[in-house]
């Protein structure tokens, strides 16, 4: 099921060059400006050490900024940029469309429709 959801996400969001984890990160960073990586990893349920690379890629694309805290320069607080917010707004319509397709497929005919979708997705590769 998770592979199907990821496949639908990637198909819908191909034009945005975003992974599901990058999208989830952007959503959380916009929702909680100034969140740190440790809290972000808990919010999106993603391994903290792996999330570092995701954050670096988002920063390299100018979607987020990392700012040190005044109290502890080692802790970086994450903020979405204007470019990141625009991308997130644009991508959200595609994500919603993909979520609707996924939900409709899993509800409609149960296992037969799910199997048909899985077959379709695996043969498109």
PDB file of N, CA and C in Angstrom:
ATOM      1  N   UNK A   1       0.823  -1.190   0.000  1.00  0.00           N
ATOM      2  CA  UNK A   1       0.000   0.000   0.000  1.00  0.00           C
ATOM      3  C   UNK A   1       0.872   1.261   0.000  1.00  0.00           C
ATOM      4  N   UNK A   2       1.924   1.241   0.810  1.00  0.00           N
ATOM      5  CA  UNK A   2       2.792   2.413   0.897  1.00  0.00           C
ATOM      6  C   UNK A   2       3.487   2.668  -0.431  1.00  0.00           C
ATOM      7  N   UNK A   3       3.901   1.616  -1.102  1.00  0.00           N
ATOM      8  CA  UNK A   3       4.557   1.767  -2.402  1.00  0.00           C
ATOM      9  C   UNK A   3       3.600   2.355  -3.433  1.00  0.00           C
ATOM     10  N   UNK A   4       2.352   1.971  -3.357  1.00  0.00           N
ATOM     11  CA  UNK A   4       1.358   2.520  -4.273  1.00  0.00           C
ATOM     12  C   UNK A   4       1.178   4.004  -4.003  1.00  0.00           C
ATOM     13  N   UNK A   5       1.057   4.366  -2.737  1.00  0.00           N
ATOM     14  CA  UNK A   5       0.889   5.773  -2.376  1.00  0.00           C
ATOM     15  C   UNK A   5       2.084   6.605  -2.839  1.00  0.00           C
ATOM     16  N   UNK A   6       3.285   6.089  -2.645  1.00  0.00           N
ATOM     17  CA  UNK A   6       4.490   6.810  -3.085  1.00  0.00           C
ATOM     18  C   UNK A   6       4.505   6.941  -4.602  1.00  0.00           C
ATOM     19  N   UNK A   7       4.145   5.877  -5.295  1.00  0.00           N
ATOM     20  CA  UNK A   7       4.118   5.910  -6.753  1.00  0.00           C
ATOM     21  C   UNK A   7       3.131   6.959  -7.264  1.00  0.00           C
ATOM     22  N   UNK A   8       1.954   7.017  -6.663  1.00  0.00           N
ATOM     23  CA  UNK A   8       0.963   8.013  -7.064  1.00  0.00           C
ATOM     24  C   UNK A   8       1.488   9.414  -6.763  1.00  0.00           C
ATOM     25  N   UNK A   9       2.104   9.592  -5.584  1.00  0.00           N
ATOM     26  CA  UNK A   9       2.674  10.896  -5.227  1.00  0.00           C
ATOM     27  C   UNK A   9       3.706  11.323  -6.264  1.00  0.00           C
ATOM     28  N   UNK A  10       4.631  10.434  -6.581  1.00  0.00           N
ATOM     29  CA  UNK A  10       5.695  10.784  -7.526  1.00  0.00           C
ATOM     30  C   UNK A  10       5.144  11.109  -8.906  1.00  0.00           C
ATOM     31  N   UNK A  11       4.123  10.388  -9.316  1.00  0.00           N
ATOM     32  CA  UNK A  11       3.509  10.662 -10.623  1.00  0.00           C
ATOM     33  C   UNK A  11       2.831  12.030 -10.628  1.00  0.00           C
ATOM     34  N   UNK A  12       2.078  12.327  -9.578  1.00  0.00           N
ATOM     35  CA  UNK A  12       1.353  13.600  -9.500  1.00  0.00           C
ATOM     36  C   UNK A  12       2.294  14.789  -9.329  1.00  0.00           C
ATOM     37  N   UNK A  13       3.406  14.579  -8.623  1.00  0.00           N
ATOM     38  CA  UNK A  13       4.303  15.690  -8.273  1.00  0.00           C
ATOM     39  C   UNK A  13       5.586  15.704  -9.090  1.00  0.00           C
ATOM     40  N   UNK A  14       5.595  14.988 -10.198  1.00  0.00           N
ATOM     41  CA  UNK A  14       6.790  14.895 -11.031  1.00  0.00           C
ATOM     42  C   UNK A  14       7.324  16.276 -11.428  1.00  0.00           C
ATOM     43  N   UNK A  15       6.459  17.178 -11.753  1.00  0.00           N
ATOM     44  CA  UNK A  15       6.874  18.510 -12.217  1.00  0.00           C
ATOM     45  C   UNK A  15       7.535  19.337 -11.116  1.00  0.00           C
ATOM     46  N   UNK A  16       7.335  18.944  -9.856  1.00  0.00           N
ATOM     47  CA  UNK A  16       7.859  19.740  -8.743  1.00  0.00           C
ATOM     48  C   UNK A  16       9.198  19.232  -8.215  1.00  0.00           C
ATOM     49  N   UNK A  17       9.640  18.066  -8.687  1.00  0.00           N
ATOM     50  CA  UNK A  17      10.909  17.487  -8.230  1.00  0.00           C
ATOM     51  C   UNK A  17      10.962  17.404  -6.707  1.00  0.00           C
ATOM     52  N   UNK A  18       9.901  16.843  -6.121  1.00  0.00           N
ATOM     53  CA  UNK A  18       9.783  16.687  -4.669  1.00  0.00           C
ATOM     54  C   UNK A  18       9.557  15.227  -4.313  1.00  0.00           C
ATOM     55  N   UNK A  19      10.168  14.791  -3.239  1.00  0.00           N
ATOM     56  CA  UNK A  19       9.877  13.463  -2.698  1.00  0.00           C
ATOM     57  C   UNK A  19       8.800  13.608  -1.629  1.00  0.00           C
ATOM     58  N   UNK A  20       8.158  12.517  -1.246  1.00  0.00           N
ATOM     59  CA  UNK A  20       7.161  12.599  -0.168  1.00  0.00           C
ATOM     60  C   UNK A  20       7.753  13.166   1.135  1.00  0.00           C
ATOM     61  N   UNK A  21       8.977  12.791   1.455  1.00  0.00           N
ATOM     62  CA  UNK A  21       9.603  13.285   2.691  1.00  0.00           C
ATOM     63  C   UNK A  21       9.899  14.779   2.590  1.00  0.00           C
ATOM     64  N   UNK A  22      10.335  15.240   1.428  1.00  0.00           N
ATOM     65  CA  UNK A  22      10.568  16.676   1.250  1.00  0.00           C
ATOM     66  C   UNK A  22       9.254  17.446   1.370  1.00  0.00           C
ATOM     67  N   UNK A  23       8.197  16.908   0.771  1.00  0.00           N
ATOM     68  CA  UNK A  23       6.893  17.562   0.858  1.00  0.00           C
ATOM     69  C   UNK A  23       6.423  17.626   2.314  1.00  0.00           C
ATOM     70  N   UNK A  24       6.505  16.502   3.014  1.00  0.00           N
ATOM     71  CA  UNK A  24       6.086  16.469   4.420  1.00  0.00           C
ATOM     72  C   UNK A  24       6.906  17.446   5.258  1.00  0.00           C
ATOM     73  N   UNK A  25       8.191  17.534   4.970  1.00  0.00           N
ATOM     74  CA  UNK A  25       9.057  18.470   5.688  1.00  0.00           C
ATOM     75  C   UNK A  25       8.616  19.905   5.456  1.00  0.00           C
ATOM     76  N   UNK A  26       8.355  20.253   4.207  1.00  0.00           N
ATOM     77  CA  UNK A  26       7.919  21.616   3.893  1.00  0.00           C
ATOM     78  C   UNK A  26       6.594  21.951   4.578  1.00  0.00           C
ATOM     79  N   UNK A  27       5.666  21.005   4.578  1.00  0.00           N
ATOM     80  CA  UNK A  27       4.377  21.226   5.238  1.00  0.00           C
ATOM     81  C   UNK A  27       4.593  21.504   6.724  1.00  0.00           C
ATOM     82  N   UNK A  28       5.403  20.688   7.365  1.00  0.00           N
ATOM     83  CA  UNK A  28       5.646  20.842   8.807  1.00  0.00           C
ATOM     84  C   UNK A  28       6.409  22.127   9.116  1.00  0.00           C
ATOM     85  N   UNK A  29       7.398  22.456   8.294  1.00  0.00           N
ATOM     86  CA  UNK A  29       8.188  23.667   8.530  1.00  0.00           C
ATOM     87  C   UNK A  29       7.312  24.910   8.371  1.00  0.00           C
ATOM     88  N   UNK A  30       6.413  24.891   7.400  1.00  0.00           N
ATOM     89  CA  UNK A  30       5.512  26.037   7.259  1.00  0.00           C
ATOM     90  C   UNK A  30       4.531  26.099   8.429  1.00  0.00           C
ATOM     91  N   UNK A  31       4.048  24.949   8.874  1.00  0.00           N
ATOM     92  CA  UNK A  31       3.072  24.915   9.970  1.00  0.00           C
ATOM     93  C   UNK A  31       3.698  25.333  11.306  1.00  0.00           C
ATOM     94  N   UNK A  32       4.989  25.023  11.472  1.00  0.00           N
ATOM     95  CA  UNK A  32       5.677  25.328  12.731  1.00  0.00           C
ATOM     96  C   UNK A  32       6.977  26.073  12.407  1.00  0.00           C
ATOM     97  N   UNK A  33       6.881  27.351  12.087  1.00  0.00           N
ATOM     98  CA  UNK A  33       8.099  28.104  11.765  1.00  0.00           C
ATOM     99  C   UNK A  33       9.084  28.062  12.938  1.00  0.00           C
ATOM    100  N   UNK A  34      10.336  27.802  12.620  1.00  0.00           N
ATOM    101  CA  UNK A  34      11.356  27.730  13.663  1.00  0.00           C
ATOM    102  C   UNK A  34      11.485  26.361  14.313  1.00  0.00           C
ATOM    103  N   UNK A  35      10.899  25.350  13.713  1.00  0.00           N
ATOM    104  CA  UNK A  35      11.037  23.986  14.233  1.00  0.00           C
ATOM    105  C   UNK A  35      12.481  23.534  14.023  1.00  0.00           C
ATOM    106  N   UNK A  36      12.997  22.724  14.952  1.00  0.00           N
ATOM    107  CA  UNK A  36      14.343  22.190  14.752  1.00  0.00           C
ATOM    108  C   UNK A  36      14.241  20.787  14.156  1.00  0.00           C
ATOM    109  N   UNK A  37      15.380  20.266  13.708  1.00  0.00           N
ATOM    110  CA  UNK A  37      15.384  18.989  12.990  1.00  0.00           C
ATOM    111  C   UNK A  37      14.911  17.834  13.874  1.00  0.00           C
ATOM    112  N   UNK A  38      15.256  17.867  15.149  1.00  0.00           N
ATOM    113  CA  UNK A  38      14.831  16.789  16.050  1.00  0.00           C
ATOM    114  C   UNK A  38      13.309  16.740  16.149  1.00  0.00           C
ATOM    115  N   UNK A  39      12.704  17.880  16.334  1.00  0.00           N
ATOM    116  CA  UNK A  39      11.234  17.920  16.412  1.00  0.00           C
ATOM    117  C   UNK A  39      10.609  17.588  15.057  1.00  0.00           C
ATOM    118  N   UNK A  40      11.207  18.086  13.995  1.00  0.00           N
ATOM    119  CA  UNK A  40      10.692  17.789  12.655  1.00  0.00           C
ATOM    120  C   UNK A  40      10.696  16.285  12.402  1.00  0.00           C
ATOM    121  N   UNK A  41      11.769  15.615  12.789  1.00  0.00           N
ATOM    122  CA  UNK A  41      11.841  14.164  12.560  1.00  0.00           C
ATOM    123  C   UNK A  41      10.726  13.443  13.310  1.00  0.00           C
ATOM    124  N   UNK A  42      10.358  13.930  14.494  1.00  0.00           N
ATOM    125  CA  UNK A  42       9.261  13.319  15.246  1.00  0.00           C
ATOM    126  C   UNK A  42       7.915  13.619  14.589  1.00  0.00           C
ATOM    127  N   UNK A  43       7.741  14.838  14.108  1.00  0.00           N
ATOM    128  CA  UNK A  43       6.474  15.246  13.500  1.00  0.00           C
ATOM    129  C   UNK A  43       6.189  14.455  12.225  1.00  0.00           C
ATOM    130  N   UNK A  44       7.205  14.254  11.387  1.00  0.00           N
ATOM    131  CA  UNK A  44       6.966  13.558  10.115  1.00  0.00           C
ATOM    132  C   UNK A  44       7.334  12.078  10.193  1.00  0.00           C
ATOM    133  N   UNK A  45       7.745  11.628  11.380  1.00  0.00           N
ATOM    134  CA  UNK A  45       8.081  10.214  11.613  1.00  0.00           C
ATOM    135  C   UNK A  45       9.151   9.717  10.645  1.00  0.00           C
ATOM    136  N   UNK A  46      10.273  10.446  10.615  1.00  0.00           N
ATOM    137  CA  UNK A  46      11.375  10.099   9.731  1.00  0.00           C
ATOM    138  C   UNK A  46      12.668  10.152  10.527  1.00  0.00           C
ATOM    139  N   UNK A  47      13.558   9.223  10.265  1.00  0.00           N
ATOM    140  CA  UNK A  47      14.818   9.114  10.980  1.00  0.00           C
ATOM    141  C   UNK A  47      15.607  10.428  10.941  1.00  0.00           C
ATOM    142  N   UNK A  48      16.039  10.898  12.103  1.00  0.00           N
ATOM    143  CA  UNK A  48      16.719  12.193  12.212  1.00  0.00           C
ATOM    144  C   UNK A  48      18.010  12.245  11.403  1.00  0.00           C
ATOM    145  N   UNK A  49      18.787  11.183  11.436  1.00  0.00           N
ATOM    146  CA  UNK A  49      20.070  11.206  10.724  1.00  0.00           C
ATOM    147  C   UNK A  49      19.864  11.259   9.205  1.00  0.00           C
ATOM    148  N   UNK A  50      18.867  10.588   8.699  1.00  0.00           N
ATOM    149  CA  UNK A  50      18.565  10.620   7.266  1.00  0.00           C
ATOM    150  C   UNK A  50      17.933  11.947   6.869  1.00  0.00           C
ATOM    151  N   UNK A  51      17.211  12.547   7.784  1.00  0.00           N
ATOM    152  CA  UNK A  51      16.535  13.816   7.510  1.00  0.00           C
ATOM    153  C   UNK A  51      17.532  14.937   7.230  1.00  0.00           C
ATOM    154  N   UNK A  52      18.751  14.820   7.746  1.00  0.00           N
ATOM    155  CA  UNK A  52      19.767  15.841   7.499  1.00  0.00           C
ATOM    156  C   UNK A  52      20.007  16.067   6.015  1.00  0.00           C
ATOM    157  N   UNK A  53      20.081  14.994   5.249  1.00  0.00           N
ATOM    158  CA  UNK A  53      20.273  15.101   3.801  1.00  0.00           C
ATOM    159  C   UNK A  53      19.078  15.743   3.120  1.00  0.00           C
ATOM    160  N   UNK A  54      17.890  15.429   3.595  1.00  0.00           N
ATOM    161  CA  UNK A  54      16.669  16.018   3.044  1.00  0.00           C
ATOM    162  C   UNK A  54      16.688  17.531   3.268  1.00  0.00           C
ATOM    163  N   UNK A  55      17.060  17.938   4.475  1.00  0.00           N
ATOM    164  CA  UNK A  55      17.112  19.362   4.822  1.00  0.00           C
ATOM    165  C   UNK A  55      18.166  20.070   3.970  1.00  0.00           C
ATOM    166  N   UNK A  56      19.310  19.432   3.786  1.00  0.00           N
ATOM    167  CA  UNK A  56      20.363  20.035   2.943  1.00  0.00           C
ATOM    168  C   UNK A  56      19.876  20.263   1.521  1.00  0.00           C
ATOM    169  N   UNK A  57      19.145  19.288   0.958  1.00  0.00           N
ATOM    170  CA  UNK A  57      18.644  19.437  -0.411  1.00  0.00           C
ATOM    171  C   UNK A  57      17.581  20.536  -0.501  1.00  0.00           C
ATOM    172  N   UNK A  58      16.718  20.614   0.507  1.00  0.00           N
ATOM    173  CA  UNK A  58      15.706  21.680   0.506  1.00  0.00           C
ATOM    174  C   UNK A  58      16.354  23.055   0.630  1.00  0.00           C
ATOM    175  N   UNK A  59      17.400  23.131   1.421  1.00  0.00           N
ATOM    176  CA  UNK A  59      18.108  24.407   1.576  1.00  0.00           C
ATOM    177  C   UNK A  59      18.859  24.761   0.289  1.00  0.00           C
ATOM    178  N   UNK A  60      19.466  23.781  -0.360  1.00  0.00           N
ATOM    179  CA  UNK A  60      20.200  24.026  -1.609  1.00  0.00           C
ATOM    180  C   UNK A  60      19.263  24.535  -2.706  1.00  0.00           C
ATOM    181  N   UNK A  61      18.005  24.101  -2.687  1.00  0.00           N
ATOM    182  CA  UNK A  61      17.017  24.557  -3.668  1.00  0.00           C
ATOM    183  C   UNK A  61      16.367  25.879  -3.251  1.00  0.00           C
ATOM    184  N   UNK A  62      16.794  26.415  -2.112  1.00  0.00           N
ATOM    185  CA  UNK A  62      16.270  27.674  -1.570  1.00  0.00           C
ATOM    186  C   UNK A  62      14.798  27.569  -1.179  1.00  0.00           C
ATOM    187  N   UNK A  63      14.375  26.391  -0.702  1.00  0.00           N
ATOM    188  CA  UNK A  63      13.009  26.208  -0.221  1.00  0.00           C
ATOM    189  C   UNK A  63      12.908  26.474   1.272  1.00  0.00           C
ATOM    190  N   UNK A  64      14.021  26.326   1.980  1.00  0.00           N
ATOM    191  CA  UNK A  64      14.044  26.587   3.419  1.00  0.00           C
ATOM    192  C   UNK A  64      15.337  27.317   3.782  1.00  0.00           C
ATOM    193  N   UNK A  65      15.352  27.892   4.984  1.00  0.00           N
ATOM    194  CA  UNK A  65      16.555  28.492   5.557  1.00  0.00           C
ATOM    195  C   UNK A  65      16.753  27.904   6.950  1.00  0.00           C
ATOM    196  N   UNK A  66      18.010  27.697   7.291  1.00  0.00           N
ATOM    197  CA  UNK A  66      18.368  27.261   8.647  1.00  0.00           C
ATOM    198  C   UNK A  66      18.994  28.449   9.366  1.00  0.00           C
ATOM    199  N   UNK A  67      18.495  28.728  10.563  1.00  0.00           N
ATOM    200  CA  UNK A  67      19.030  29.834  11.350  1.00  0.00           C
ATOM    201  C   UNK A  67      19.403  29.313  12.738  1.00  0.00           C
ATOM    202  N   UNK A  68      20.577  29.686  13.240  1.00  0.00           N
ATOM    203  CA  UNK A  68      20.961  29.238  14.589  1.00  0.00           C
ATOM    204  C   UNK A  68      20.108  29.923  15.656  1.00  0.00           C
ATOM    205  N   UNK A  69      19.909  29.237  16.767  1.00  0.00           N
ATOM    206  CA  UNK A  69      19.188  29.855  17.877  1.00  0.00           C
ATOM    207  C   UNK A  69      20.141  30.795  18.612  1.00  0.00           C
ATOM    208  N   UNK A  70      19.635  31.833  19.221  1.00  0.00           N
ATOM    209  CA  UNK A  70      20.505  32.736  19.986  1.00  0.00           C
ATOM    210  C   UNK A  70      21.158  32.028  21.176  1.00  0.00           C
ATOM    211  N   UNK A  71      20.445  31.063  21.765  1.00  0.00           N
ATOM    212  CA  UNK A  71      20.938  30.371  22.958  1.00  0.00           C
ATOM    213  C   UNK A  71      22.007  29.328  22.655  1.00  0.00           C
ATOM    214  N   UNK A  72      21.853  28.637  21.535  1.00  0.00           N
ATOM    215  CA  UNK A  72      22.763  27.534  21.205  1.00  0.00           C
ATOM    216  C   UNK A  72      22.977  27.522  19.694  1.00  0.00           C
ATOM    217  N   UNK A  73      24.120  27.998  19.260  1.00  0.00           N
ATOM    218  CA  UNK A  73      24.409  28.123  17.821  1.00  0.00           C
ATOM    219  C   UNK A  73      24.427  26.778  17.096  1.00  0.00           C
ATOM    220  N   UNK A  74      24.556  25.674  17.848  1.00  0.00           N
ATOM    221  CA  UNK A  74      24.561  24.344  17.224  1.00  0.00           C
ATOM    222  C   UNK A  74      23.172  23.933  16.760  1.00  0.00           C
ATOM    223  N   UNK A  75      22.143  24.449  17.410  1.00  0.00           N
ATOM    224  CA  UNK A  75      20.760  24.114  17.058  1.00  0.00           C
ATOM    225  C   UNK A  75      20.299  25.059  15.960  1.00  0.00           C
ATOM    226  N   UNK A  76      19.828  24.478  14.878  1.00  0.00           N
ATOM    227  CA  UNK A  76      19.355  25.274  13.732  1.00  0.00           C
ATOM    228  C   UNK A  76      17.832  25.203  13.661  1.00  0.00           C
ATOM    229  N   UNK A  77      17.229  26.361  13.500  1.00  0.00           N
ATOM    230  CA  UNK A  77      15.779  26.450  13.364  1.00  0.00           C
ATOM    231  C   UNK A  77      15.437  26.583  11.883  1.00  0.00           C
ATOM    232  N   UNK A  78      14.390  25.904  11.477  1.00  0.00           N
ATOM    233  CA  UNK A  78      14.029  25.819  10.068  1.00  0.00           C
ATOM    234  C   UNK A  78      12.870  26.753   9.746  1.00  0.00           C
ATOM    235  N   UNK A  79      13.009  27.461   8.633  1.00  0.00           N
ATOM    236  CA  UNK A  79      11.981  28.390   8.169  1.00  0.00           C
ATOM    237  C   UNK A  79      11.802  28.193   6.673  1.00  0.00           C
ATOM    238  N   UNK A  80      10.551  28.220   6.225  1.00  0.00           N
ATOM    239  CA  UNK A  80      10.280  28.099   4.798  1.00  0.00           C
ATOM    240  C   UNK A  80      10.544  29.453   4.128  1.00  0.00           C
ATOM    241  N   UNK A  81      11.078  29.420   2.924  1.00  0.00           N
ATOM    242  CA  UNK A  81      11.308  30.653   2.158  1.00  0.00           C
ATOM    243  C   UNK A  81      10.068  30.963   1.325  1.00  0.00           C
ATOM    244  N   UNK A  82      10.052  32.117   0.726  1.00  0.00           N
ATOM    245  CA  UNK A  82       8.948  32.470  -0.164  1.00  0.00           C
ATOM    246  C   UNK A  82       8.882  31.486  -1.333  1.00  0.00           C
ATOM    247  N   UNK A  83      10.047  31.142  -1.873  1.00  0.00           N
ATOM    248  CA  UNK A  83      10.106  30.172  -2.972  1.00  0.00           C
ATOM    249  C   UNK A  83       9.550  28.821  -2.531  1.00  0.00           C
ATOM    250  N   UNK A  84       9.885  28.397  -1.314  1.00  0.00           N
ATOM    251  CA  UNK A  84       9.381  27.136  -0.781  1.00  0.00           C
ATOM    252  C   UNK A  84       7.880  27.171  -0.559  1.00  0.00           C
ATOM    253  N   UNK A  85       7.368  28.297  -0.080  1.00  0.00           N
ATOM    254  CA  UNK A  85       5.928  28.427   0.159  1.00  0.00           C
ATOM    255  C   UNK A  85       5.152  28.385  -1.154  1.00  0.00           C
ATOM    256  N   UNK A  86       5.685  29.024  -2.170  1.00  0.00           N
ATOM    257  CA  UNK A  86       5.029  29.003  -3.489  1.00  0.00           C
ATOM    258  C   UNK A  86       5.014  27.578  -4.044  1.00  0.00           C
ATOM    259  N   UNK A  87       6.151  26.907  -3.957  1.00  0.00           N
ATOM    260  CA  UNK A  87       6.227  25.520  -4.420  1.00  0.00           C
ATOM    261  C   UNK A  87       5.231  24.642  -3.666  1.00  0.00           C
ATOM    262  N   UNK A  88       5.181  24.809  -2.365  1.00  0.00           N
ATOM    263  CA  UNK A  88       4.274  24.009  -1.546  1.00  0.00           C
ATOM    264  C   UNK A  88       2.820  24.261  -1.939  1.00  0.00           C
ATOM    265  N   UNK A  89       2.449  25.511  -2.148  1.00  0.00           N
ATOM    266  CA  UNK A  89       1.085  25.820  -2.584  1.00  0.00           C
ATOM    267  C   UNK A  89       0.772  25.157  -3.920  1.00  0.00           C
ATOM    268  N   UNK A  90       1.714  25.247  -4.849  1.00  0.00           N
ATOM    269  CA  UNK A  90       1.509  24.650  -6.173  1.00  0.00           C
ATOM    270  C   UNK A  90       1.424  23.128  -6.098  1.00  0.00           C
ATOM    271  N   UNK A  91       2.288  22.519  -5.298  1.00  0.00           N
ATOM    272  CA  UNK A  91       2.348  21.056  -5.204  1.00  0.00           C
ATOM    273  C   UNK A  91       1.151  20.477  -4.453  1.00  0.00           C
ATOM    274  N   UNK A  92       0.583  21.239  -3.541  1.00  0.00           N
ATOM    275  CA  UNK A  92      -0.506  20.716  -2.711  1.00  0.00           C
ATOM    276  C   UNK A  92      -1.710  20.289  -3.544  1.00  0.00           C
ATOM    277  N   UNK A  93      -2.023  21.006  -4.591  1.00  0.00           N
ATOM    278  CA  UNK A  93      -3.141  20.601  -5.456  1.00  0.00           C
ATOM    279  C   UNK A  93      -2.872  19.233  -6.077  1.00  0.00           C
ATOM    280  N   UNK A  94      -1.637  18.999  -6.497  1.00  0.00           N
ATOM    281  CA  UNK A  94      -1.277  17.697  -7.075  1.00  0.00           C
ATOM    282  C   UNK A  94      -1.314  16.597  -6.020  1.00  0.00           C
ATOM    283  N   UNK A  95      -0.836  16.910  -4.833  1.00  0.00           N
ATOM    284  CA  UNK A  95      -0.856  15.930  -3.742  1.00  0.00           C
ATOM    285  C   UNK A  95      -2.299  15.579  -3.394  1.00  0.00           C
ATOM    286  N   UNK A  96      -3.166  16.584  -3.314  1.00  0.00           N
ATOM    287  CA  UNK A  96      -4.574  16.331  -3.013  1.00  0.00           C
ATOM    288  C   UNK A  96      -5.223  15.476  -4.097  1.00  0.00           C
ATOM    289  N   UNK A  97      -4.888  15.752  -5.341  1.00  0.00           N
ATOM    290  CA  UNK A  97      -5.426  14.961  -6.456  1.00  0.00           C
ATOM    291  C   UNK A  97      -4.964  13.504  -6.338  1.00  0.00           C
ATOM    292  N   UNK A  98      -3.692  13.306  -6.021  1.00  0.00           N
ATOM    293  CA  UNK A  98      -3.161  11.961  -5.843  1.00  0.00           C
ATOM    294  C   UNK A  98      -3.781  11.245  -4.662  1.00  0.00           C
ATOM    295  N   UNK A  99      -3.990  11.970  -3.573  1.00  0.00           N
ATOM    296  CA  UNK A  99      -4.623  11.364  -2.392  1.00  0.00           C
ATOM    297  C   UNK A  99      -6.052  10.939  -2.711  1.00  0.00           C
ATOM    298  N   UNK A 100      -6.735  11.754  -3.497  1.00  0.00           N
ATOM    299  CA  UNK A 100      -8.089  11.390  -3.899  1.00  0.00           C
ATOM    300  C   UNK A 100      -8.115  10.150  -4.770  1.00  0.00           C
ATOM    301  N   UNK A 101      -7.169  10.064  -5.688  1.00  0.00           N
ATOM    302  CA  UNK A 101      -7.091   8.878  -6.569  1.00  0.00           C
ATOM    303  C   UNK A 101      -6.783   7.629  -5.757  1.00  0.00           C
ATOM    304  N   UNK A 102      -5.876   7.766  -4.811  1.00  0.00           N
ATOM    305  CA  UNK A 102      -5.514   6.632  -3.957  1.00  0.00           C
ATOM    306  C   UNK A 102      -6.715   6.190  -3.120  1.00  0.00           C
ATOM    307  N   UNK A 103      -7.387   7.152  -2.499  1.00  0.00           N
ATOM    308  CA  UNK A 103      -8.534   6.819  -1.648  1.00  0.00           C
ATOM    309  C   UNK A 103      -9.663   6.204  -2.465  1.00  0.00           C
ATOM    310  N   UNK A 104      -9.932   6.763  -3.628  1.00  0.00           N
ATOM    311  CA  UNK A 104     -11.009   6.236  -4.468  1.00  0.00           C
ATOM    312  C   UNK A 104     -10.719   4.807  -4.899  1.00  0.00           C
ATOM    313  N   UNK A 105      -9.484   4.529  -5.223  1.00  0.00           N
ATOM    314  CA  UNK A 105      -9.119   3.197  -5.678  1.00  0.00           C
ATOM    315  C   UNK A 105      -9.227   2.175  -4.556  1.00  0.00           C
ATOM    316  N   UNK A 106      -8.802   2.548  -3.375  1.00  0.00           N
ATOM    317  CA  UNK A 106      -8.834   1.585  -2.271  1.00  0.00           C
ATOM    318  C   UNK A 106     -10.245   1.396  -1.732  1.00  0.00           C
ATOM    319  N   UNK A 107     -11.149   2.342  -1.973  1.00  0.00           N
ATOM    320  CA  UNK A 107     -12.530   2.215  -1.494  1.00  0.00           C
ATOM    321  C   UNK A 107     -13.436   1.510  -2.487  1.00  0.00           C
ATOM    322  N   UNK A 108     -13.259   1.804  -3.753  1.00  0.00           N
ATOM    323  CA  UNK A 108     -14.199   1.391  -4.798  1.00  0.00           C
ATOM    324  C   UNK A 108     -14.505  -0.100  -4.787  1.00  0.00           C
ATOM    325  N   UNK A 109     -13.585  -0.880  -5.249  1.00  0.00           N
ATOM    326  CA  UNK A 109     -13.870  -2.298  -5.440  1.00  0.00           C
ATOM    327  C   UNK A 109     -13.050  -3.194  -4.540  1.00  0.00           C
ATOM    328  N   UNK A 110     -12.397  -2.612  -3.583  1.00  0.00           N
ATOM    329  CA  UNK A 110     -11.617  -3.415  -2.662  1.00  0.00           C
ATOM    330  C   UNK A 110     -10.430  -4.073  -3.326  1.00  0.00           C
ATOM    331  N   UNK A 111     -10.198  -5.328  -3.022  1.00  0.00           N
ATOM    332  CA  UNK A 111      -8.991  -6.014  -3.488  1.00  0.00           C
ATOM    333  C   UNK A 111      -8.832  -6.065  -5.009  1.00  0.00           C
ATOM    334  N   UNK A 112      -9.932  -6.220  -5.755  1.00  0.00           N
ATOM    335  CA  UNK A 112      -9.807  -6.307  -7.214  1.00  0.00           C
ATOM    336  C   UNK A 112      -9.289  -4.985  -7.809  1.00  0.00           C
ATOM    337  N   UNK A 113      -9.862  -3.880  -7.385  1.00  0.00           N
ATOM    338  CA  UNK A 113      -9.396  -2.585  -7.885  1.00  0.00           C
ATOM    339  C   UNK A 113      -7.975  -2.302  -7.419  1.00  0.00           C
ATOM    340  N   UNK A 114      -7.672  -2.671  -6.197  1.00  0.00           N
ATOM    341  CA  UNK A 114      -6.325  -2.460  -5.677  1.00  0.00           C
ATOM    342  C   UNK A 114      -5.318  -3.273  -6.487  1.00  0.00           C
ATOM    343  N   UNK A 115      -5.636  -4.515  -6.763  1.00  0.00           N
ATOM    344  CA  UNK A 115      -4.751  -5.359  -7.560  1.00  0.00           C
ATOM    345  C   UNK A 115      -4.590  -4.782  -8.975  1.00  0.00           C
ATOM    346  N   UNK A 116      -5.676  -4.293  -9.554  1.00  0.00           N
ATOM    347  CA  UNK A 116      -5.595  -3.689 -10.891  1.00  0.00           C
ATOM    348  C   UNK A 116      -4.698  -2.457 -10.878  1.00  0.00           C
ATOM    349  N   UNK A 117      -4.827  -1.622  -9.836  1.00  0.00           N
ATOM    350  CA  UNK A 117      -3.982  -0.434  -9.727  1.00  0.00           C
ATOM    351  C   UNK A 117      -2.519  -0.826  -9.559  1.00  0.00           C
ATOM    352  N   UNK A 118      -2.261  -1.807  -8.725  1.00  0.00           N
ATOM    353  CA  UNK A 118      -0.883  -2.263  -8.510  1.00  0.00           C
ATOM    354  C   UNK A 118      -0.289  -2.772  -9.822  1.00  0.00           C
ATOM    355  N   UNK A 119      -1.066  -3.530 -10.568  1.00  0.00           N
ATOM    356  CA  UNK A 119      -0.597  -4.045 -11.846  1.00  0.00           C
ATOM    357  C   UNK A 119      -0.315  -2.912 -12.816  1.00  0.00           C
ATOM    358  N   UNK A 120      -1.219  -1.956 -12.872  1.00  0.00           N
ATOM    359  CA  UNK A 120      -1.043  -0.809 -13.758  1.00  0.00           C
ATOM    360  C   UNK A 120       0.226  -0.022 -13.389  1.00  0.00           C
ATOM    361  N   UNK A 121       0.427   0.218 -12.116  1.00  0.00           N
ATOM    362  CA  UNK A 121       1.585   0.980 -11.682  1.00  0.00           C
ATOM    363  C   UNK A 121       2.903   0.259 -11.935  1.00  0.00           C
ATOM    364  N   UNK A 122       2.904  -1.042 -11.736  1.00  0.00           N
ATOM    365  CA  UNK A 122       4.146  -1.792 -11.927  1.00  0.00           C
ATOM    366  C   UNK A 122       4.466  -2.015 -13.392  1.00  0.00           C
ATOM    367  N   UNK A 123       3.462  -2.030 -14.245  1.00  0.00           N
ATOM    368  CA  UNK A 123       3.744  -2.242 -15.673  1.00  0.00           C
ATOM    369  C   UNK A 123       4.064  -0.934 -16.390  1.00  0.00           C
ATOM    370  N   UNK A 124       3.815   0.200 -15.777  1.00  0.00           N
ATOM    371  CA  UNK A 124       4.152   1.497 -16.382  1.00  0.00           C
ATOM    372  C   UNK A 124       5.633   1.808 -16.281  1.00  0.00           C
ATOM    373  N   UNK A 125       6.342   1.155 -15.450  1.00  0.00           N
ATOM    374  CA  UNK A 125       7.752   1.455 -15.204  1.00  0.00           C
ATOM    375  C   UNK A 125       8.614   1.135 -16.378  1.00  0.00           C
TER     376      UNK A 125
END
